[in-house]
Amino acid sequence: MFPRRIAALAASLLFLTLGLGCYTTKTPLGSAASATVDRAYVGDFTMAEKDKTDSIVIRNLDDRQYFVEYSETGGNAAKPMRMVGYTADVNGVTFANLRTLSDDGSIDDKFMVMRVSSSPDHAKLSLRNLKDDFFKDKDVSSSESLEKVIGANLDSEKMYDGEAAVFTRSAPTTQP
């Protein structure tokens, strides 16, 4: 289902409220003020799986944050999920911090944190959810303590909720 697609960007709290296994926290990893946009993540991506196709659209908002829209077709398609977020690196590994944007204009106060990467040719986007239960008994009360816990467990399968979802960049459309 959804956790594998958006980390199975851009994957946020809406996922948790749907009962899916994503790590959400009021403590962000890093800060949007010091973040920079990596243009390798900007684009349109799809992942076809069985009878549905998942799509992620990622845009640069202000050279610090991204706008992310996730949607699916086929299966149990729901309305698109829109998020705002930024990335932070931990020991050379990139993580996205995403917050859900609602129809009423409010922005969630919790962040969904997920691991993200781009293939060397930028044709593939990999998203991997973190497991909420992994963090329950850890001190993640500050951004620094969250970074320390994640950094110490980068290679631990126990920290992740399944395998990474891999999306393929859609060919850019050209204007006549």
C-alpha atoms as a PDB file:
ATOM      1  CA  MET A   1       0.000   0.000   0.000  1.00  0.00           C
ATOM      2  CA  PHE A   2       1.051   3.651   0.320  1.00  0.00           C
ATOM      3  CA  PRO A   3       4.071   3.456   2.676  1.00  0.00           C
ATOM      4  CA  ARG A   4       6.121   1.608   0.067  1.00  0.00           C
ATOM      5  CA  ARG A   5       5.249   4.067  -2.605  1.00  0.00           C
ATOM      6  CA  ILE A   6       6.129   7.327  -1.030  1.00  0.00           C
ATOM      7  CA  ALA A   7       8.922   5.846   0.836  1.00  0.00           C
ATOM      8  CA  ALA A   8       7.228   2.705  -0.523  1.00  0.00           C
ATOM      9  CA  LEU A   9       9.040  12.441  -1.026  1.00  0.00           C
ATOM     10  CA  ALA A  10       7.713  12.383  -0.938  1.00  0.00           C
ATOM     11  CA  ALA A  11       6.078  11.102   1.662  1.00  0.00           C
ATOM     12  CA  SER A  12       3.369  12.979   6.162  1.00  0.00           C
ATOM     13  CA  LEU A  13       1.034  12.995   9.043  1.00  0.00           C
ATOM     14  CA  LEU A  14      -1.855  12.112   6.801  1.00  0.00           C
ATOM     15  CA  PHE A  15      -0.216   8.719   6.333  1.00  0.00           C
ATOM     16  CA  LEU A  16      -0.184   8.125  10.064  1.00  0.00           C
ATOM     17  CA  THR A  17      -3.822   9.063  10.404  1.00  0.00           C
ATOM     18  CA  LEU A  18      -4.606   6.494   7.738  1.00  0.00           C
ATOM     19  CA  GLY A  19      -3.002   3.886   9.990  1.00  0.00           C
ATOM     20  CA  LEU A  20       0.080   3.339   7.883  1.00  0.00           C
ATOM     21  CA  GLY A  21       3.574   2.730   9.215  1.00  0.00           C
ATOM     22  CA  CYS A  22       5.494   5.965   8.820  1.00  0.00           C
ATOM     23  CA  TYR A  23       7.643   7.817  11.284  1.00  0.00           C
ATOM     24  CA  THR A  24       6.066  11.127  12.245  1.00  0.00           C
ATOM     25  CA  THR A  25       7.400  13.543  14.810  1.00  0.00           C
ATOM     26  CA  LYS A  26       7.007  17.093  16.060  1.00  0.00           C
ATOM     27  CA  THR A  27      10.816  17.230  16.149  1.00  0.00           C
ATOM     28  CA  PRO A  28      12.137  17.875  12.646  1.00  0.00           C
ATOM     29  CA  LEU A  29      15.462  16.597  11.407  1.00  0.00           C
ATOM     30  CA  GLY A  30      17.518  19.717  10.689  1.00  0.00           C
ATOM     31  CA  SER A  31      15.783  22.963   9.782  1.00  0.00           C
ATOM     32  CA  ALA A  32      14.151  24.432   6.716  1.00  0.00           C
ATOM     33  CA  ALA A  33      16.051  27.684   7.313  1.00  0.00           C
ATOM     34  CA  SER A  34      19.381  25.977   6.640  1.00  0.00           C
ATOM     35  CA  ALA A  35      18.155  23.559   3.966  1.00  0.00           C
ATOM     36  CA  THR A  36      18.926  23.820   0.259  1.00  0.00           C
ATOM     37  CA  VAL A  37      17.030  22.295  -2.625  1.00  0.00           C
ATOM     38  CA  ASP A  38      18.782  19.558  -4.582  1.00  0.00           C
ATOM     39  CA  ARG A  39      17.374  19.923  -8.085  1.00  0.00           C
ATOM     40  CA  ALA A  40      17.957  16.208  -8.709  1.00  0.00           C
ATOM     41  CA  TYR A  41      14.797  15.625  -6.663  1.00  0.00           C
ATOM     42  CA  VAL A  42      12.707  18.099  -8.658  1.00  0.00           C
ATOM     43  CA  GLY A  43      10.563  16.543 -11.353  1.00  0.00           C
ATOM     44  CA  ASP A  44       7.710  14.177 -12.105  1.00  0.00           C
ATOM     45  CA  PHE A  45       8.113  10.520 -11.108  1.00  0.00           C
ATOM     46  CA  THR A  46       5.969   7.405 -11.467  1.00  0.00           C
ATOM     47  CA  MET A  47       5.938   3.860 -10.168  1.00  0.00           C
ATOM     48  CA  ALA A  48       3.700   1.235 -11.744  1.00  0.00           C
ATOM     49  CA  GLU A  49       2.662  -1.650  -9.521  1.00  0.00           C
ATOM     50  CA  LYS A  50       0.041  -4.254 -10.419  1.00  0.00           C
ATOM     51  CA  ASP A  51      -3.166  -2.407 -11.329  1.00  0.00           C
ATOM     52  CA  LYS A  52      -2.132   1.074 -10.216  1.00  0.00           C
ATOM     53  CA  THR A  53       0.339   3.799 -10.937  1.00  0.00           C
ATOM     54  CA  ASP A  54       1.697   6.098  -8.263  1.00  0.00           C
ATOM     55  CA  SER A  55       2.909   9.551  -9.184  1.00  0.00           C
ATOM     56  CA  ILE A  56       5.008  12.069  -7.326  1.00  0.00           C
ATOM     57  CA  VAL A  57       5.453  15.643  -8.472  1.00  0.00           C
ATOM     58  CA  ILE A  58       8.223  17.558  -6.698  1.00  0.00           C
ATOM     59  CA  ARG A  59       8.810  21.276  -7.175  1.00  0.00           C
ATOM     60  CA  ASN A  60      11.283  23.814  -5.798  1.00  0.00           C
ATOM     61  CA  LEU A  61       9.432  26.408  -3.701  1.00  0.00           C
ATOM     62  CA  ASP A  62      12.153  28.803  -2.590  1.00  0.00           C
ATOM     63  CA  ASP A  63      15.539  27.045  -2.948  1.00  0.00           C
ATOM     64  CA  ARG A  64      15.044  25.697   0.617  1.00  0.00           C
ATOM     65  CA  GLN A  65      11.772  23.772   0.487  1.00  0.00           C
ATOM     66  CA  TYR A  66       9.897  21.496  -1.879  1.00  0.00           C
ATOM     67  CA  PHE A  67       6.244  21.169  -2.786  1.00  0.00           C
ATOM     68  CA  VAL A  68       5.361  17.460  -3.114  1.00  0.00           C
ATOM     69  CA  GLU A  69       2.179  15.985  -4.555  1.00  0.00           C
ATOM     70  CA  TYR A  70       1.489  12.266  -4.393  1.00  0.00           C
ATOM     71  CA  SER A  71      -1.352  10.647  -6.325  1.00  0.00           C
ATOM     72  CA  GLU A  72      -2.336   7.226  -7.548  1.00  0.00           C
ATOM     73  CA  THR A  73      -4.528   5.896 -10.321  1.00  0.00           C
ATOM     74  CA  GLY A  74      -6.341   2.580 -10.378  1.00  0.00           C
ATOM     75  CA  GLY A  75      -6.913   0.394  -7.325  1.00  0.00           C
ATOM     76  CA  ASN A  76      -8.208   2.448  -4.395  1.00  0.00           C
ATOM     77  CA  ALA A  77      -7.128   5.823  -5.756  1.00  0.00           C
ATOM     78  CA  ALA A  78      -7.746   8.705  -3.360  1.00  0.00           C
ATOM     79  CA  LYS A  79      -7.456  12.423  -3.899  1.00  0.00           C
ATOM     80  CA  PRO A  80      -3.876  13.700  -4.216  1.00  0.00           C
ATOM     81  CA  MET A  81      -1.839  14.352  -1.073  1.00  0.00           C
ATOM     82  CA  ARG A  82       0.031  17.628  -1.022  1.00  0.00           C
ATOM     83  CA  MET A  83       2.982  18.319   1.217  1.00  0.00           C
ATOM     84  CA  VAL A  84       5.702  20.842   1.854  1.00  0.00           C
ATOM     85  CA  GLY A  85       9.124  19.780   3.010  1.00  0.00           C
ATOM     86  CA  TYR A  86      12.870  20.048   2.981  1.00  0.00           C
ATOM     87  CA  THR A  87      15.828  17.692   3.132  1.00  0.00           C
ATOM     88  CA  ALA A  88      18.545  17.239   5.736  1.00  0.00           C
ATOM     89  CA  ASP A  89      21.676  15.109   5.490  1.00  0.00           C
ATOM     90  CA  VAL A  90      22.838  12.712   8.186  1.00  0.00           C
ATOM     91  CA  ASN A  91      26.341  11.313   7.646  1.00  0.00           C
ATOM     92  CA  GLY A  92      25.999  11.838   3.886  1.00  0.00           C
ATOM     93  CA  VAL A  93      22.508  10.279   3.649  1.00  0.00           C
ATOM     94  CA  THR A  94      19.536  12.470   2.752  1.00  0.00           C
ATOM     95  CA  PHE A  95      16.235  12.492   4.619  1.00  0.00           C
ATOM     96  CA  ALA A  96      13.064  14.386   3.755  1.00  0.00           C
ATOM     97  CA  ASN A  97      10.953  16.164   6.372  1.00  0.00           C
ATOM     98  CA  LEU A  98       7.405  16.479   5.013  1.00  0.00           C
ATOM     99  CA  ARG A  99       4.287  18.165   6.383  1.00  0.00           C
ATOM    100  CA  THR A 100       0.804  17.716   5.002  1.00  0.00           C
ATOM    101  CA  LEU A 101      -0.977  20.656   3.413  1.00  0.00           C
ATOM    102  CA  SER A 102      -4.725  20.601   3.988  1.00  0.00           C
ATOM    103  CA  ASP A 103      -7.618  21.894   1.927  1.00  0.00           C
ATOM    104  CA  ASP A 104      -8.421  24.450   4.642  1.00  0.00           C
ATOM    105  CA  GLY A 105      -4.987  26.101   4.396  1.00  0.00           C
ATOM    106  CA  SER A 106      -3.524  24.713   7.601  1.00  0.00           C
ATOM    107  CA  ILE A 107      -0.122  23.040   7.737  1.00  0.00           C
ATOM    108  CA  ASP A 108       0.393  20.065  10.010  1.00  0.00           C
ATOM    109  CA  ASP A 109       2.707  20.520  12.994  1.00  0.00           C
ATOM    110  CA  LYS A 110       4.162  17.008  12.602  1.00  0.00           C
ATOM    111  CA  PHE A 111       6.806  15.919  10.130  1.00  0.00           C
ATOM    112  CA  MET A 112       7.048  12.620   8.323  1.00  0.00           C
ATOM    113  CA  VAL A 113      10.736  11.763   8.049  1.00  0.00           C
ATOM    114  CA  MET A 114      11.899   9.429   5.274  1.00  0.00           C
ATOM    115  CA  ARG A 115      15.132   8.481   3.540  1.00  0.00           C
ATOM    116  CA  VAL A 116      15.483   9.737  -0.036  1.00  0.00           C
ATOM    117  CA  SER A 117      18.028   9.299  -2.787  1.00  0.00           C
ATOM    118  CA  SER A 118      18.443   9.848  -6.491  1.00  0.00           C
ATOM    119  CA  SER A 119      20.293   7.597  -8.903  1.00  0.00           C
ATOM    120  CA  PRO A 120      23.547   9.021 -10.335  1.00  0.00           C
ATOM    121  CA  ASP A 121      21.775   9.829 -13.628  1.00  0.00           C
ATOM    122  CA  HIS A 122      18.766  11.310 -11.723  1.00  0.00           C
ATOM    123  CA  ALA A 123      16.414   8.937 -13.550  1.00  0.00           C
ATOM    124  CA  LYS A 124      15.293   7.146 -10.362  1.00  0.00           C
ATOM    125  CA  LEU A 125      14.002   8.466  -7.041  1.00  0.00           C
ATOM    126  CA  SER A 126      14.148   6.105  -4.061  1.00  0.00           C
ATOM    127  CA  LEU A 127      11.993   6.708  -0.995  1.00  0.00           C
ATOM    128  CA  ARG A 128      12.160   4.643   2.164  1.00  0.00           C
ATOM    129  CA  ASN A 129       9.942   5.035   5.207  1.00  0.00           C
ATOM    130  CA  LEU A 130      11.280   4.913   8.719  1.00  0.00           C
ATOM    131  CA  LYS A 131       9.503   2.652  11.193  1.00  0.00           C
ATOM    132  CA  ASP A 132       7.534   4.578  13.816  1.00  0.00           C
ATOM    133  CA  ASP A 133       7.916   1.821  16.436  1.00  0.00           C
ATOM    134  CA  PHE A 134      11.722   1.947  16.163  1.00  0.00           C
ATOM    135  CA  PHE A 135      11.784   5.455  17.644  1.00  0.00           C
ATOM    136  CA  LYS A 136       9.319   4.876  20.509  1.00  0.00           C
ATOM    137  CA  ASP A 137      11.968   4.122  23.154  1.00  0.00           C
ATOM    138  CA  LYS A 138      14.636   6.499  21.772  1.00  0.00           C
ATOM    139  CA  ASP A 139      15.454  10.043  22.870  1.00  0.00           C
ATOM    140  CA  VAL A 140      14.374  12.127  19.889  1.00  0.00           C
ATOM    141  CA  SER A 141      13.347  15.209  21.872  1.00  0.00           C
ATOM    142  CA  SER A 142      15.550  17.549  19.821  1.00  0.00           C
ATOM    143  CA  SER A 143      16.716  17.779  16.243  1.00  0.00           C
ATOM    144  CA  GLU A 144      20.234  16.941  17.409  1.00  0.00           C
ATOM    145  CA  SER A 145      19.143  13.809  19.301  1.00  0.00           C
ATOM    146  CA  LEU A 146      17.031  12.657  16.340  1.00  0.00           C
ATOM    147  CA  GLU A 147      20.024  13.117  14.052  1.00  0.00           C
ATOM    148  CA  LYS A 148      22.194  11.112  16.447  1.00  0.00           C
ATOM    149  CA  VAL A 149      19.721   8.193  16.573  1.00  0.00           C
ATOM    150  CA  ILE A 150      19.291   8.138  12.800  1.00  0.00           C
ATOM    151  CA  GLY A 151      23.036   8.483  12.197  1.00  0.00           C
ATOM    152  CA  ALA A 152      23.807   5.537  14.475  1.00  0.00           C
ATOM    153  CA  ASN A 153      21.260   3.347  12.666  1.00  0.00           C
ATOM    154  CA  LEU A 154      21.647   4.227   8.984  1.00  0.00           C
ATOM    155  CA  ASP A 155      22.439   0.617   8.073  1.00  0.00           C
ATOM    156  CA  SER A 156      20.004  -1.006  10.517  1.00  0.00           C
ATOM    157  CA  GLU A 157      17.042  -2.683   8.832  1.00  0.00           C
ATOM    158  CA  LYS A 158      15.174  -2.298  12.135  1.00  0.00           C
ATOM    159  CA  MET A 159      14.904   1.461  11.534  1.00  0.00           C
ATOM    160  CA  TYR A 160      13.168   1.081   8.172  1.00  0.00           C
ATOM    161  CA  ASP A 161       9.628   0.105   7.265  1.00  0.00           C
ATOM    162  CA  GLY A 162      10.242  -2.251   4.348  1.00  0.00           C
ATOM    163  CA  GLU A 163      12.233  -1.723   1.206  1.00  0.00           C
ATOM    164  CA  ALA A 164      12.605   1.531  -0.694  1.00  0.00           C
ATOM    165  CA  ALA A 165      10.036   2.440  -3.304  1.00  0.00           C
ATOM    166  CA  VAL A 166      11.733   3.346  -6.559  1.00  0.00           C
ATOM    167  CA  PHE A 167      10.075   5.868  -8.864  1.00  0.00           C
ATOM    168  CA  THR A 168      11.142   6.563 -12.443  1.00  0.00           C
ATOM    169  CA  ARG A 169      11.471  10.111 -13.729  1.00  0.00           C
ATOM    170  CA  SER A 170       8.896  10.894 -16.387  1.00  0.00           C
ATOM    171  CA  ALA A 171      10.285  12.226 -19.625  1.00  0.00           C
ATOM    172  CA  PRO A 172      10.055  16.001 -19.614  1.00  0.00           C
ATOM    173  CA  THR A 173       7.439  17.364 -21.939  1.00  0.00           C
ATOM    174  CA  THR A 174       8.573  19.832 -24.548  1.00  0.00           C
ATOM    175  CA  GLN A 175       6.639  22.840 -25.682  1.00  0.00           C
ATOM    176  CA  PRO A 176       6.276  23.361 -29.459  1.00  0.00           C
END
